[in-house]
């Protein structure tokens, strides 16, 4: 019991750090510190004209939208080698948000750990930190949460479809036992789930089925500054995207960014720039960004493509 409590406390701490880093600008609740990404060739006069046009338009209220209460039918997701995993119901927590409750029964002779390689809600990649252990001959009820903050970044107010790829390992030797195929759960909101949202911003990359849009720069994110990117993948393969040779106002920085997007799916992810990088270079405001993107195979990290240097301004 003590080990389980310790593991959960560690998971909460790691989750808090990760969400702050990876989704620091994912929330659309606050606009303070957010700047638009524009073409590096756009003139100052054009930018001022756009700002005047926006100022003259009536201010539209952004619909927050509460998460819709949904249900699922109890269903067996995995039944292999004495291990049975059942989705029993939808659950909700005031801190973690909505989730699905999993009953994991271990009738094998091994102590096991169960994790999630990928979680996809309404066709959007959602980061998860689901992990639990089950001793041989035992069972456990464990929720897999999809935080409301992550869902809001993708504009999702009703969870209609849940896709997950589970990873089962031997807890004692850390040997992989097996991975599940794609598991699909359809909720009571499936018929009217959110799948398409209006994506605004500057298209930074569009090649061979990979499209990346820079939405905005948030100078008040958790760790310092973050660049929110929207990515859609119609390439026919799963990809991992990272960035390289990034500079801000001409100064090199060391960003944190890694985004895995499965084929046919979309994602919202931040490039995080630590405030210490900006401070040591005397950068008080982000004005110009240059970077290149690397497209990798997530299974072996072989490079699929690399973009030329991409420059854009921030207003």
Protein backbone atom coordinates (compact mmCIF):
# COMPACT_ATOMS: atom_id res chain seq x y z
CA UNK A 1 0.00 0.00 0.00
CA UNK A 2 2.81 2.40 0.88
CA UNK A 3 4.53 1.77 -2.47
CA UNK A 4 1.31 2.44 -4.34
CA UNK A 5 0.73 5.73 -2.51
CA UNK A 6 4.32 6.79 -3.17
CA UNK A 7 3.96 5.96 -6.86
CA UNK A 8 0.77 7.98 -7.13
CA UNK A 9 2.32 10.98 -5.41
CA UNK A 10 5.29 10.79 -7.79
CA UNK A 11 2.93 10.54 -10.75
CA UNK A 12 1.06 13.65 -9.61
CA UNK A 13 4.30 15.63 -9.28
CA UNK A 14 5.56 14.51 -12.69
CA UNK A 15 2.18 15.24 -14.24
CA UNK A 16 2.08 18.75 -12.79
CA UNK A 17 5.54 19.50 -14.15
CA UNK A 18 4.76 18.01 -17.55
CA UNK A 19 1.46 19.80 -18.03
CA UNK A 20 3.07 23.08 -17.05
CA UNK A 21 5.79 22.53 -19.64
CA UNK A 22 3.94 20.84 -22.47
CA UNK A 23 0.65 22.69 -22.22
CA UNK A 24 1.66 25.99 -20.69
CA UNK A 25 -0.10 27.90 -23.44
CA UNK A 26 -2.67 25.25 -24.25
CA UNK A 27 -5.42 26.87 -22.23
CA UNK A 28 -7.50 29.45 -24.03
CA UNK A 29 -8.83 31.00 -20.85
CA UNK A 30 -6.25 33.78 -20.61
CA UNK A 31 -4.99 35.97 -23.46
CA UNK A 32 -2.50 37.99 -21.42
CA UNK A 33 1.01 37.71 -22.84
CA UNK A 34 -0.09 36.02 -26.07
CA UNK A 35 1.25 37.37 -29.35
CA UNK A 36 0.33 36.51 -32.92
CA UNK A 37 2.70 34.72 -35.27
CA UNK A 38 3.01 36.49 -38.65
CA UNK A 39 4.99 36.10 -41.85
CA UNK A 40 8.54 37.39 -41.62
CA UNK A 41 7.94 39.35 -44.85
CA UNK A 42 4.80 41.07 -43.61
CA UNK A 43 5.28 44.82 -43.37
CA UNK A 44 4.73 46.82 -40.21
CA UNK A 45 2.04 48.81 -42.03
CA UNK A 46 0.10 45.65 -42.89
CA UNK A 47 0.31 44.47 -39.29
CA UNK A 48 -0.98 47.80 -38.00
CA UNK A 49 -3.83 47.70 -40.51
CA UNK A 50 -4.84 44.22 -39.34
CA UNK A 51 -4.80 45.37 -35.72
CA UNK A 52 -7.03 48.34 -36.59
CA UNK A 53 -9.46 46.03 -38.41
CA UNK A 54 -9.61 43.72 -35.40
CA UNK A 55 -10.13 46.65 -33.05
CA UNK A 56 -13.10 47.81 -35.12
CA UNK A 57 -14.78 44.40 -35.03
CA UNK A 58 -17.21 43.60 -32.21
CA UNK A 59 -15.52 41.52 -29.56
CA UNK A 60 -16.83 37.98 -29.65
CA UNK A 61 -17.20 36.06 -26.46
CA UNK A 62 -15.21 32.86 -26.46
CA UNK A 63 -17.42 29.95 -25.58
CA UNK A 64 -15.88 28.01 -22.77
CA UNK A 65 -18.28 25.10 -22.91
CA UNK A 66 -18.48 22.69 -20.04
CA UNK A 67 -17.47 19.09 -20.61
CA UNK A 68 -20.53 17.05 -21.48
CA UNK A 69 -21.33 14.16 -19.15
CA UNK A 70 -21.02 11.00 -21.25
CA UNK A 71 -21.36 7.29 -20.62
CA UNK A 72 -19.94 4.09 -22.08
CA UNK A 73 -21.02 0.49 -22.16
CA UNK A 74 -18.85 -1.86 -20.15
CA UNK A 75 -16.50 -3.63 -22.57
CA UNK A 76 -13.45 -5.88 -22.52
CA UNK A 77 -10.48 -4.11 -24.09
CA UNK A 78 -7.71 -6.69 -23.64
CA UNK A 79 -7.81 -10.41 -22.85
CA UNK A 80 -4.43 -12.08 -23.39
CA UNK A 81 -2.01 -14.31 -21.49
CA UNK A 82 -4.11 -14.24 -18.32
CA UNK A 83 -4.46 -10.46 -18.35
CA UNK A 84 -7.90 -8.94 -18.78
CA UNK A 85 -8.61 -5.20 -19.00
CA UNK A 86 -12.19 -3.92 -18.98
CA UNK A 87 -13.51 -0.39 -19.44
CA UNK A 88 -16.29 -0.22 -16.87
CA UNK A 89 -17.51 3.39 -16.86
CA UNK A 90 -16.66 7.03 -17.41
CA UNK A 91 -15.38 8.86 -14.35
CA UNK A 92 -14.60 12.46 -13.42
CA UNK A 93 -12.36 14.18 -10.91
CA UNK A 94 -12.28 17.88 -10.00
CA UNK A 95 -8.49 18.03 -10.50
CA UNK A 96 -7.78 15.48 -13.24
CA UNK A 97 -10.94 15.97 -15.31
CA UNK A 98 -12.80 13.27 -17.24
CA UNK A 99 -11.52 9.76 -17.67
CA UNK A 100 -12.38 6.14 -18.20
CA UNK A 101 -12.25 3.57 -15.37
CA UNK A 102 -10.26 0.44 -16.19
CA UNK A 103 -10.59 -2.84 -14.32
CA UNK A 104 -7.30 -4.74 -14.70
CA UNK A 105 -7.32 -8.42 -13.69
CA UNK A 106 -4.02 -10.26 -13.59
CA UNK A 107 -4.44 -14.03 -13.56
CA UNK A 108 -0.93 -14.59 -14.92
CA UNK A 109 2.05 -15.71 -12.83
CA UNK A 110 3.86 -12.37 -13.34
CA UNK A 111 3.62 -9.02 -11.60
CA UNK A 112 2.75 -6.58 -14.36
CA UNK A 113 2.75 -2.87 -15.16
CA UNK A 114 0.24 -1.37 -17.56
CA UNK A 115 0.87 1.90 -19.38
CA UNK A 116 -0.50 3.75 -22.38
CA UNK A 117 1.65 4.34 -25.48
CA UNK A 118 -0.84 6.72 -27.06
CA UNK A 119 -4.19 8.24 -26.11
CA UNK A 120 -6.38 9.84 -28.77
CA UNK A 121 -9.63 11.70 -28.07
CA UNK A 122 -11.88 12.71 -30.98
CA UNK A 123 -8.88 12.27 -33.35
CA UNK A 124 -6.60 14.54 -31.26
CA UNK A 125 -3.47 13.23 -29.57
CA UNK A 126 -3.78 13.75 -25.81
CA UNK A 127 -0.80 13.36 -23.50
CA UNK A 128 -1.35 10.90 -20.67
CA UNK A 129 0.72 9.63 -17.75
CA UNK A 130 -1.34 6.50 -17.06
CA UNK A 131 0.59 3.76 -15.28
CA UNK A 132 -0.41 1.14 -12.78
CA UNK A 133 0.94 -2.14 -11.39
CA UNK A 134 -0.93 -5.34 -10.61
CA UNK A 135 0.57 -8.26 -8.70
CA UNK A 136 0.09 -11.82 -9.96
CA UNK A 137 -3.37 -13.09 -9.08
CA UNK A 138 -4.67 -9.62 -8.16
CA UNK A 139 -6.80 -6.93 -9.77
CA UNK A 140 -7.24 -3.17 -9.57
CA UNK A 141 -9.61 -0.42 -10.66
CA UNK A 142 -7.58 2.46 -12.10
CA UNK A 143 -8.82 5.57 -13.96
CA UNK A 144 -7.17 6.85 -17.13
CA UNK A 145 -7.77 10.61 -17.13
CA UNK A 146 -7.88 13.07 -19.99
CA UNK A 147 -7.40 16.45 -18.35
CA UNK A 148 -9.87 19.23 -19.13
CA UNK A 149 -6.99 21.61 -19.89
CA UNK A 150 -5.65 19.37 -22.62
CA UNK A 151 -9.08 18.88 -24.13
CA UNK A 152 -9.72 22.64 -24.16
CA UNK A 153 -6.51 23.15 -26.13
CA UNK A 154 -8.09 21.00 -28.84
CA UNK A 155 -11.51 22.65 -28.46
CA UNK A 156 -13.11 19.43 -27.24
CA UNK A 157 -16.19 19.83 -25.07
CA UNK A 158 -17.70 16.39 -25.62
CA UNK A 159 -15.65 13.19 -25.60
CA UNK A 160 -17.13 10.98 -28.31
CA UNK A 161 -14.35 8.53 -29.16
CA UNK A 162 -11.42 7.25 -27.11
CA UNK A 163 -8.54 5.44 -28.77
CA UNK A 164 -5.70 3.96 -26.76
CA UNK A 165 -2.67 1.75 -27.26
CA UNK A 166 -1.81 -0.12 -24.07
CA UNK A 167 1.65 -1.42 -23.16
CA UNK A 168 2.03 -4.32 -20.73
CA UNK A 169 5.39 -5.16 -19.13
CA UNK A 170 6.81 -7.52 -16.53
CA UNK A 171 7.06 -5.28 -13.46
CA UNK A 172 10.04 -7.13 -12.00
CA UNK A 173 12.25 -7.39 -15.10
CA UNK A 174 10.78 -4.51 -17.15
CA UNK A 175 10.54 -6.92 -20.07
CA UNK A 176 7.82 -6.02 -22.56
CA UNK A 177 5.07 -8.66 -22.56
CA UNK A 178 2.81 -7.32 -25.32
CA UNK A 179 1.25 -4.20 -26.80
CA UNK A 180 -2.44 -3.97 -27.58
CA UNK A 181 -3.81 -3.13 -30.98
CA UNK A 182 -5.68 0.16 -31.24
CA UNK A 183 -8.55 0.03 -28.74
CA UNK A 184 -11.60 2.10 -29.67
CA UNK A 185 -14.30 3.14 -27.21
CA UNK A 186 -17.31 5.08 -28.44
CA UNK A 187 -19.22 7.09 -25.85
CA UNK A 188 -22.82 8.25 -25.75
CA UNK A 189 -21.64 11.52 -27.37
CA UNK A 190 -20.10 9.81 -30.41
CA UNK A 191 -22.69 11.04 -32.92
CA UNK A 192 -22.02 14.71 -32.16
CA UNK A 193 -18.43 14.71 -30.94
CA UNK A 194 -16.03 17.59 -31.61
CA UNK A 195 -13.59 16.68 -34.40
CA UNK A 196 -13.10 19.90 -36.36
CA UNK A 197 -12.18 23.28 -34.94
CA UNK A 198 -11.18 26.52 -36.59
CA UNK A 199 -7.39 26.71 -36.63
CA UNK A 200 -5.95 30.20 -36.82
CA UNK A 201 -2.33 31.14 -37.20
CA UNK A 202 0.62 31.06 -39.57
CA UNK A 203 1.33 27.93 -41.60
CA UNK A 204 4.98 27.08 -40.94
CA UNK A 205 5.34 23.73 -42.68
CA UNK A 206 3.23 21.74 -45.15
CA UNK A 207 4.89 18.84 -46.91
CA UNK A 208 4.18 15.15 -47.59
CA UNK A 209 1.05 15.14 -45.44
CA UNK A 210 2.52 16.93 -42.41
CA UNK A 211 1.07 20.38 -41.75
CA UNK A 212 2.25 22.57 -38.87
CA UNK A 213 0.57 25.87 -37.95
CA UNK A 214 2.03 28.33 -35.47
CA UNK A 215 -0.90 29.69 -33.49
CA UNK A 216 0.63 32.15 -31.04
CA UNK A 217 3.49 32.84 -28.67
CA UNK A 218 2.69 32.95 -24.96
CA UNK A 219 5.26 34.94 -22.97
CA UNK A 220 3.53 34.06 -19.68
CA UNK A 221 3.65 30.27 -19.88
CA UNK A 222 4.63 28.08 -16.93
CA UNK A 223 8.38 27.86 -17.68
CA UNK A 224 8.87 31.13 -19.55
CA UNK A 225 7.74 31.39 -23.16
CA UNK A 226 5.89 28.88 -25.33
CA UNK A 227 5.00 28.62 -29.00
CA UNK A 228 1.71 26.79 -29.51
CA UNK A 229 1.68 24.59 -32.62
CA UNK A 230 -1.18 22.78 -34.33
CA UNK A 231 -0.16 19.70 -36.31
CA UNK A 232 -2.17 17.44 -38.57
CA UNK A 233 -0.81 14.22 -40.06
CA UNK A 234 -2.16 12.72 -43.28
CA UNK A 235 1.20 11.26 -44.35
CA UNK A 236 0.21 7.61 -44.10
CA UNK A 237 2.62 6.96 -41.21
CA UNK A 238 3.03 7.84 -37.54
CA UNK A 239 5.58 10.60 -36.95
CA UNK A 240 7.49 12.29 -34.15
CA UNK A 241 8.25 15.98 -34.65
CA UNK A 242 11.04 17.92 -32.98
CA UNK A 243 12.67 21.28 -33.65
CA UNK A 244 16.30 22.16 -34.27
CA UNK A 245 18.56 25.23 -34.51
CA UNK A 246 16.07 27.52 -32.82
CA UNK A 247 16.91 31.17 -32.28
CA UNK A 248 14.99 34.07 -30.77
CA UNK A 249 15.88 37.59 -31.87
CA UNK A 250 19.06 36.10 -33.35
CA UNK A 251 20.16 34.32 -30.15
CA UNK A 252 20.33 30.52 -30.01
CA UNK A 253 18.10 28.85 -27.39
CA UNK A 254 17.55 25.27 -26.21
CA UNK A 255 13.84 24.55 -26.56
CA UNK A 256 11.88 21.59 -25.25
CA UNK A 257 9.62 20.10 -27.91
CA UNK A 258 8.60 16.62 -28.98
CA UNK A 259 5.25 15.78 -30.52
CA UNK A 260 4.10 12.34 -31.66
CA UNK A 261 1.20 12.46 -34.11
CA UNK A 262 -0.30 9.24 -35.42
CA UNK A 263 -1.44 8.94 -39.02
CA UNK A 264 -4.81 10.62 -39.60
CA UNK A 265 -4.63 12.43 -36.26
CA UNK A 266 -4.00 15.98 -35.01
CA UNK A 267 -2.36 17.58 -32.02
CA UNK A 268 -1.70 20.78 -30.09
CA UNK A 269 1.75 21.01 -28.51
CA UNK A 270 4.03 23.72 -27.14
CA UNK A 271 7.61 24.53 -27.94
CA UNK A 272 8.85 25.60 -24.51
CA UNK A 273 11.65 28.15 -24.10
CA UNK A 274 12.95 28.48 -20.56
CA UNK A 275 13.03 31.97 -19.06
CA UNK A 276 16.72 31.42 -18.18
CA UNK A 277 17.54 31.17 -21.91
CA UNK A 278 15.89 34.52 -22.52
CA UNK A 279 17.43 36.20 -19.49
CA UNK A 280 21.01 35.20 -20.24
CA UNK A 281 20.64 36.63 -23.74
CA UNK A 282 18.99 39.83 -22.55
CA UNK A 283 15.74 39.09 -24.39
CA UNK A 284 12.86 41.03 -22.87
CA UNK A 285 10.36 40.42 -25.67
CA UNK A 286 10.16 37.75 -28.38
CA UNK A 287 10.17 39.49 -31.75
CA UNK A 288 11.59 37.03 -34.29
CA UNK A 289 11.90 33.24 -34.25
CA UNK A 290 13.85 30.96 -36.54
CA UNK A 291 13.87 27.17 -36.40
CA UNK A 292 13.73 24.00 -38.45
CA UNK A 293 11.55 20.93 -37.94
CA UNK A 294 12.69 17.32 -37.91
CA UNK A 295 10.18 14.62 -38.86
CA UNK A 296 11.15 11.26 -37.35
CA UNK A 297 9.91 7.68 -37.30
CA UNK A 298 8.74 7.23 -33.66
CA UNK A 299 9.66 3.54 -33.64
CA UNK A 300 13.33 3.85 -34.59
CA UNK A 301 13.95 7.63 -34.62
CA UNK A 302 15.16 7.52 -38.22
CA UNK A 303 14.84 10.90 -39.90
CA UNK A 304 12.02 11.08 -42.45
CA UNK A 305 12.40 14.75 -43.38
CA UNK A 306 13.94 17.99 -42.22
CA UNK A 307 12.71 21.46 -43.08
CA UNK A 308 14.80 24.40 -44.16
CA UNK A 309 15.15 27.24 -41.68
CA UNK A 310 11.73 28.79 -41.01
CA UNK A 311 11.56 32.43 -39.88
CA UNK A 312 8.54 34.30 -38.56
CA UNK A 313 7.78 37.44 -36.62
CA UNK A 314 5.81 37.82 -33.41
CA UNK A 315 3.49 40.79 -32.79
